[in-house]
Amino acid sequence: MRVTSNMMNSQLMLNLNRNAYKMSQTQNQLATGRKINKPSDDPVGITYSLRYRAELSSNEQYQKNVDSALSWLDYNDTVLNQAGDVLHKIRELTVQAANGTNPQSALNSIKEEIGQLKEQLVDLGNSKLNGKYIFNGQTYDKKPYDLPKNPDGTTDITNADQVKTDAGSVEYIVGESIKLSINVTGNDVFGTDQDPDNLFTIINNITKALENANYSELSQQLTNIDTRMDKILTARADVGAKTNRVELIQGRLSDMEVNLTDLQSKMEDADYAEVIMNSKIQENIYNASLSSGAKIIQPSLVDFLR
């Protein structure tokens, strides 16, 4: 077969373009820091890479849910602790009032203080976190203890014991197929209208007993106070157990993020030392191609006439 100048030119251009393309690939890897910049670079590897990216994205959302769940649980524990402190104070005042030596003036002073503590409990029942009422179940956009107003503009808390809070569970997805209920309802904490140890019912009974100097009734209410205190402590223990579980899940998600990131890095990221070496090799090959091409392809017709 006769080799023509046109064939030599075409073959030279083909090889030059091929070497330039390989050099461009290595330089692109250096610029991006990735060995996979488009699906054609590694069709099999890109499938693993996309899978790792999807799992990392899901893991990131789970971590956000865990952080939100922990915030809710921590705030629940704080409010329950405050409610327990108020109940302790009510018990102290009730024990003090049950002493038969107290005059009516002293009982009236205790009644006023207990009235203020009841208002504090109503405020705790309407506690909000990030604009959500924590004690009203799934209807967290509505105030659970939305009581009527008195003519002077203050809240009428007389019938706080009749309030029925939503019993729905607030659930967070903290892992694949893992849902965790993290809320406590107001009726769980303060009692329902049917419970004899409803905290607001107890306060109403204590208030009446103080007005009438009924010392035996005051003593009887101490049992209900202790029962309600035990239920609040049980709710706090439940919150604490859920907090421990969520913290364990948080640690597992953090470890999973490290593992997935490492796998993604091994699949996508370029080895800079290797890429720099390949880049220099490709650059030398390309320069050698240009140099040899300049010697093989004669530049003018005069060279053929010599």
Protein backbone atom coordinates (compact mmCIF):
# COMPACT_ATOMS: atom_id res chain seq x y z
CA MET A 1 0.00 0.00 0.00
CA ARG A 2 1.37 3.41 -0.95
CA VAL A 3 1.59 5.83 1.97
CA THR A 4 0.64 9.31 0.90
CA SER A 5 1.31 12.65 2.55
CA ASN A 6 -2.42 13.01 3.24
CA MET A 7 -2.43 9.69 5.12
CA MET A 8 0.58 10.78 7.16
CA ASN A 9 -1.07 14.12 8.00
CA SER A 10 -4.32 12.43 9.02
CA GLN A 11 -2.54 9.86 11.21
CA LEU A 12 -0.42 12.55 12.84
CA MET A 13 -3.48 14.71 13.62
CA LEU A 14 -5.30 11.70 15.02
CA ASN A 15 -2.44 10.89 17.37
CA LEU A 16 -1.96 14.53 18.33
CA ASN A 17 -5.65 14.89 19.18
CA ARG A 18 -5.60 11.64 21.16
CA ASN A 19 -2.59 12.76 23.20
CA ALA A 20 -4.07 16.23 23.70
CA TYR A 21 -7.32 14.66 24.93
CA LYS A 22 -5.50 12.46 27.47
CA MET A 23 -3.49 15.46 28.67
CA SER A 24 -6.71 17.46 28.98
CA GLN A 25 -8.28 14.68 31.06
CA THR A 26 -5.45 14.60 33.59
CA GLN A 27 -5.35 18.41 33.78
CA ASN A 28 -9.11 18.43 34.38
CA GLN A 29 -8.68 15.92 37.23
CA LEU A 30 -6.02 18.20 38.72
CA ALA A 31 -8.34 21.21 38.46
CA THR A 32 -11.40 19.49 40.00
CA GLY A 33 -9.64 17.11 42.37
CA ARG A 34 -11.90 14.29 41.12
CA LYS A 35 -11.11 11.31 38.97
CA ILE A 36 -14.80 11.02 37.93
CA ASN A 37 -16.04 14.22 36.31
CA LYS A 38 -18.59 12.72 33.94
CA PRO A 39 -20.27 9.31 33.66
CA SER A 40 -18.05 8.19 30.78
CA ASP A 41 -14.95 8.47 33.01
CA ASP A 42 -16.11 5.42 35.02
CA PRO A 43 -19.61 4.10 34.18
CA VAL A 44 -19.50 1.54 37.01
CA GLY A 45 -17.93 3.87 39.54
CA ILE A 46 -20.51 6.61 38.92
CA THR A 47 -23.31 4.27 40.04
CA TYR A 48 -21.57 3.71 43.39
CA SER A 49 -20.82 7.41 43.67
CA LEU A 50 -24.47 8.37 43.16
CA ARG A 51 -25.52 5.76 45.69
CA TYR A 52 -23.11 7.15 48.30
CA ARG A 53 -24.35 10.68 47.58
CA ALA A 54 -27.99 9.58 48.10
CA GLU A 55 -27.14 7.83 51.36
CA LEU A 56 -25.18 10.84 52.60
CA SER A 57 -28.11 13.12 51.77
CA SER A 58 -30.50 10.86 53.71
CA ASN A 59 -28.05 10.66 56.59
CA GLU A 60 -27.81 14.45 56.70
CA GLN A 61 -31.60 14.76 56.97
CA TYR A 62 -31.71 12.11 59.71
CA GLN A 63 -29.10 14.08 61.63
CA LYS A 64 -31.21 17.24 61.34
CA ASN A 65 -34.23 15.31 62.62
CA VAL A 66 -32.18 13.96 65.53
CA ASP A 67 -31.02 17.47 66.44
CA SER A 68 -34.63 18.71 66.40
CA ALA A 69 -35.78 15.72 68.47
CA LEU A 70 -33.06 16.34 71.04
CA SER A 71 -34.02 20.01 71.29
CA TRP A 72 -37.66 19.04 71.87
CA LEU A 73 -36.77 16.39 74.48
CA ASP A 74 -34.35 18.69 76.32
CA TYR A 75 -36.95 21.44 76.44
CA ASN A 76 -39.58 18.97 77.65
CA ASP A 77 -37.27 17.92 80.45
CA THR A 78 -36.64 21.55 81.39
CA VAL A 79 -40.36 22.38 81.56
CA LEU A 80 -41.15 19.19 83.51
CA ASN A 81 -38.41 20.08 85.96
CA GLN A 82 -39.93 23.54 86.42
CA ALA A 83 -43.39 22.01 86.90
CA GLY A 84 -41.93 19.68 89.53
CA ASP A 85 -40.37 22.62 91.35
CA VAL A 86 -43.72 24.44 91.39
CA LEU A 87 -45.45 21.32 92.71
CA HIS A 88 -42.83 20.99 95.45
CA LYS A 89 -43.53 24.58 96.47
CA ILE A 90 -47.29 23.92 96.50
CA ARG A 91 -46.72 20.91 98.75
CA GLU A 92 -44.61 22.96 101.15
CA LEU A 93 -47.29 25.62 101.36
CA THR A 94 -50.00 22.99 101.86
CA VAL A 95 -48.06 21.37 104.70
CA GLN A 96 -47.56 24.80 106.22
CA ALA A 97 -51.26 25.66 105.86
CA ALA A 98 -52.40 22.31 107.31
CA ASN A 99 -51.00 23.43 110.67
CA GLY A 100 -54.07 24.21 112.73
CA THR A 101 -52.40 27.14 114.45
CA ASN A 102 -52.46 29.33 111.33
CA PRO A 103 -54.87 32.27 111.51
CA GLN A 104 -57.12 33.04 108.55
CA SER A 105 -54.89 35.91 107.49
CA ALA A 106 -51.98 33.50 107.07
CA LEU A 107 -54.19 31.12 105.11
CA ASN A 108 -55.26 33.96 102.83
CA SER A 109 -51.62 34.83 102.15
CA ILE A 110 -50.89 31.19 101.29
CA LYS A 111 -53.95 31.14 99.01
CA GLU A 112 -52.64 34.15 97.10
CA GLU A 113 -49.25 32.53 96.64
CA ILE A 114 -50.79 29.27 95.47
CA GLY A 115 -52.91 31.26 93.00
CA GLN A 116 -49.72 32.69 91.52
CA LEU A 117 -48.22 29.21 91.30
CA LYS A 118 -51.30 27.99 89.44
CA GLU A 119 -50.84 30.76 86.88
CA GLN A 120 -47.22 29.69 86.54
CA LEU A 121 -48.35 26.11 85.85
CA VAL A 122 -50.75 27.35 83.15
CA ASP A 123 -47.86 29.27 81.58
CA LEU A 124 -45.76 26.10 81.65
CA GLY A 125 -48.63 24.20 80.03
CA ASN A 126 -48.52 26.71 77.17
CA SER A 127 -44.76 26.40 76.67
CA LYS A 128 -43.55 26.82 73.08
CA LEU A 129 -40.43 25.69 71.25
CA ASN A 130 -39.75 27.16 67.82
CA GLY A 131 -43.35 28.37 67.63
CA LYS A 132 -44.82 24.97 68.60
CA TYR A 133 -46.77 24.21 71.76
CA ILE A 134 -45.01 21.18 73.24
CA PHE A 135 -47.96 19.89 75.32
CA ASN A 136 -50.71 19.81 72.68
CA GLY A 137 -49.82 16.70 70.69
CA GLN A 138 -50.09 16.97 66.92
CA THR A 139 -52.07 20.22 67.12
CA TYR A 140 -48.93 22.02 68.25
CA ASP A 141 -50.04 25.17 66.41
CA LYS A 142 -52.86 25.71 68.94
CA LYS A 143 -52.50 26.83 72.54
CA PRO A 144 -53.50 23.90 74.79
CA TYR A 145 -54.61 25.99 77.77
CA ASP A 146 -56.39 28.70 75.80
CA LEU A 147 -58.52 29.97 78.68
CA PRO A 148 -60.99 32.89 78.66
CA LYS A 149 -60.11 36.36 79.84
CA ASN A 150 -61.37 38.17 82.90
CA PRO A 151 -62.89 41.66 82.53
CA ASP A 152 -59.59 43.15 83.71
CA GLY A 153 -57.72 41.39 80.90
CA THR A 154 -56.12 38.66 83.02
CA THR A 155 -56.56 34.98 82.19
CA ASP A 156 -59.36 33.14 83.99
CA ILE A 157 -57.62 29.94 85.15
CA THR A 158 -60.56 28.64 87.19
CA ASN A 159 -61.41 25.86 84.73
CA ALA A 160 -57.89 24.88 83.75
CA ASP A 161 -58.63 21.40 85.09
CA GLN A 162 -61.26 20.89 82.33
CA VAL A 163 -58.82 21.32 79.44
CA LYS A 164 -58.35 18.33 77.13
CA THR A 165 -55.09 18.42 75.23
CA ASP A 166 -54.52 16.57 71.95
CA ALA A 167 -53.33 13.01 72.53
CA GLY A 168 -51.55 12.63 69.18
CA SER A 169 -47.88 11.69 69.01
CA VAL A 170 -45.25 13.96 67.52
CA GLU A 171 -42.93 11.57 65.68
CA TYR A 172 -39.52 12.16 64.16
CA ILE A 173 -37.94 9.87 61.56
CA VAL A 174 -34.42 9.39 62.93
CA GLY A 175 -33.32 6.52 60.71
CA GLU A 176 -34.46 4.22 57.95
CA SER A 177 -37.89 2.91 59.08
CA ILE A 178 -37.25 4.32 62.58
CA LYS A 179 -39.92 6.62 64.01
CA LEU A 180 -39.69 7.96 67.54
CA SER A 181 -42.45 9.68 69.50
CA ILE A 182 -40.86 12.51 71.46
CA ASN A 183 -43.74 14.50 72.97
CA VAL A 184 -45.59 14.53 76.27
CA THR A 185 -49.16 15.82 76.37
CA GLY A 186 -50.52 18.30 78.87
CA ASN A 187 -52.94 15.75 80.27
CA ASP A 188 -50.04 13.34 80.83
CA VAL A 189 -48.30 15.96 82.93
CA PHE A 190 -51.10 17.83 84.68
CA GLY A 191 -53.85 15.19 84.53
CA THR A 192 -57.22 14.85 82.78
CA ASP A 193 -60.53 16.21 84.00
CA GLN A 194 -61.36 12.68 85.26
CA ASP A 195 -58.22 12.28 87.37
CA PRO A 196 -58.63 12.96 91.09
CA ASP A 197 -54.98 14.03 91.13
CA ASN A 198 -55.38 16.55 88.31
CA LEU A 199 -52.94 19.23 89.33
CA PHE A 200 -55.35 22.09 88.72
CA THR A 201 -58.13 20.23 90.56
CA ILE A 202 -55.77 19.79 93.50
CA ILE A 203 -55.03 23.52 93.53
CA ASN A 204 -58.76 24.34 93.34
CA ASN A 205 -59.46 22.04 96.30
CA ILE A 206 -56.58 23.55 98.27
CA THR A 207 -57.85 27.05 97.53
CA LYS A 208 -61.34 26.20 98.81
CA ALA A 209 -59.90 24.55 101.88
CA LEU A 210 -57.81 27.64 102.61
CA GLU A 211 -60.86 29.88 102.27
CA ASN A 212 -62.81 27.72 104.73
CA ALA A 213 -59.86 26.88 107.02
CA ASN A 214 -60.54 23.20 106.32
CA TYR A 215 -57.33 21.67 107.69
CA SER A 216 -58.37 18.04 107.19
CA GLU A 217 -59.00 18.68 103.49
CA LEU A 218 -55.56 20.25 103.16
CA SER A 219 -53.99 17.14 104.66
CA GLN A 220 -55.94 14.89 102.29
CA GLN A 221 -54.69 16.81 99.26
CA LEU A 222 -51.11 15.95 100.14
CA THR A 223 -51.74 12.38 98.95
CA ASN A 224 -52.95 13.63 95.57
CA ILE A 225 -49.95 15.94 95.33
CA ASP A 226 -47.59 13.01 95.92
CA THR A 227 -49.39 10.92 93.31
CA ARG A 228 -49.16 13.67 90.71
CA MET A 229 -45.51 14.21 91.59
CA ASP A 230 -44.81 10.54 90.88
CA LYS A 231 -46.50 10.85 87.46
CA ILE A 232 -44.41 13.91 86.58
CA LEU A 233 -41.26 12.04 87.60
CA THR A 234 -42.37 9.09 85.44
CA ALA A 235 -42.83 11.46 82.48
CA ARG A 236 -39.35 12.87 83.07
CA ALA A 237 -37.89 9.37 83.21
CA ASP A 238 -39.58 8.54 79.91
CA VAL A 239 -38.17 11.71 78.35
CA GLY A 240 -34.73 10.84 79.69
CA ALA A 241 -34.86 7.33 78.24
CA LYS A 242 -35.85 8.70 74.83
CA THR A 243 -33.06 11.27 75.03
CA ASN A 244 -30.51 8.51 75.67
CA ARG A 245 -31.78 6.55 72.69
CA VAL A 246 -31.70 9.58 70.39
CA GLU A 247 -28.14 10.36 71.49
CA LEU A 248 -27.12 6.80 70.62
CA ILE A 249 -28.75 7.20 67.21
CA GLN A 250 -26.94 10.52 66.79
CA GLY A 251 -23.59 8.81 67.40
CA ARG A 252 -24.40 6.04 64.93
CA LEU A 253 -25.40 8.55 62.25
CA SER A 254 -22.18 10.47 62.81
CA ASP A 255 -20.12 7.29 62.37
CA MET A 256 -22.10 6.40 59.25
CA GLU A 257 -21.41 9.84 57.77
CA VAL A 258 -17.66 9.33 58.24
CA ASN A 259 -17.79 5.89 56.62
CA LEU A 260 -19.90 7.02 53.66
CA THR A 261 -17.72 10.08 53.11
CA ASP A 262 -14.62 7.88 53.10
CA LEU A 263 -16.17 5.51 50.55
CA GLN A 264 -17.27 8.41 48.38
CA SER A 265 -13.78 9.92 48.55
CA LYS A 266 -12.16 6.65 47.48
CA MET A 267 -14.56 6.40 44.55
CA GLU A 268 -14.52 10.02 43.34
CA ASP A 269 -11.42 11.84 44.56
CA ALA A 270 -8.24 11.82 42.54
CA ASP A 271 -4.84 10.78 43.87
CA TYR A 272 -2.95 14.04 43.38
CA ALA A 273 0.51 12.46 43.33
CA GLU A 274 -0.55 9.97 40.66
CA VAL A 275 -2.48 12.56 38.63
CA ILE A 276 0.44 15.04 38.67
CA MET A 277 2.79 12.30 37.47
CA ASN A 278 0.38 11.26 34.71
CA SER A 279 -0.10 14.88 33.73
CA LYS A 280 3.65 15.38 33.25
CA ILE A 281 3.87 12.13 31.28
CA GLN A 282 0.98 13.15 29.01
CA GLU A 283 2.52 16.59 28.56
CA ASN A 284 5.86 15.05 27.55
CA ILE A 285 4.14 12.65 25.16
CA TYR A 286 2.21 15.49 23.57
CA ASN A 287 5.34 17.63 23.18
CA ALA A 288 7.20 14.65 21.70
CA SER A 289 4.36 14.13 19.23
CA LEU A 290 4.54 17.74 18.12
CA SER A 291 8.33 17.56 17.76
CA SER A 292 8.34 14.31 15.78
CA GLY A 293 5.43 15.50 13.65
CA ALA A 294 7.32 18.62 12.68
CA LYS A 295 10.21 16.47 11.41
CA ILE A 296 8.07 13.91 9.59
CA ILE A 297 5.74 16.29 7.78
CA GLN A 298 7.76 18.47 5.38
CA PRO A 299 6.64 22.10 5.54
CA SER A 300 6.85 23.03 1.82
CA LEU A 301 7.12 21.79 -1.79
CA VAL A 302 10.75 22.99 -1.98
CA ASP A 303 11.77 20.19 0.38
CA PHE A 304 10.43 17.65 -2.14
CA LEU A 305 12.40 19.30 -5.02
CA ARG A 306 15.78 19.13 -3.30
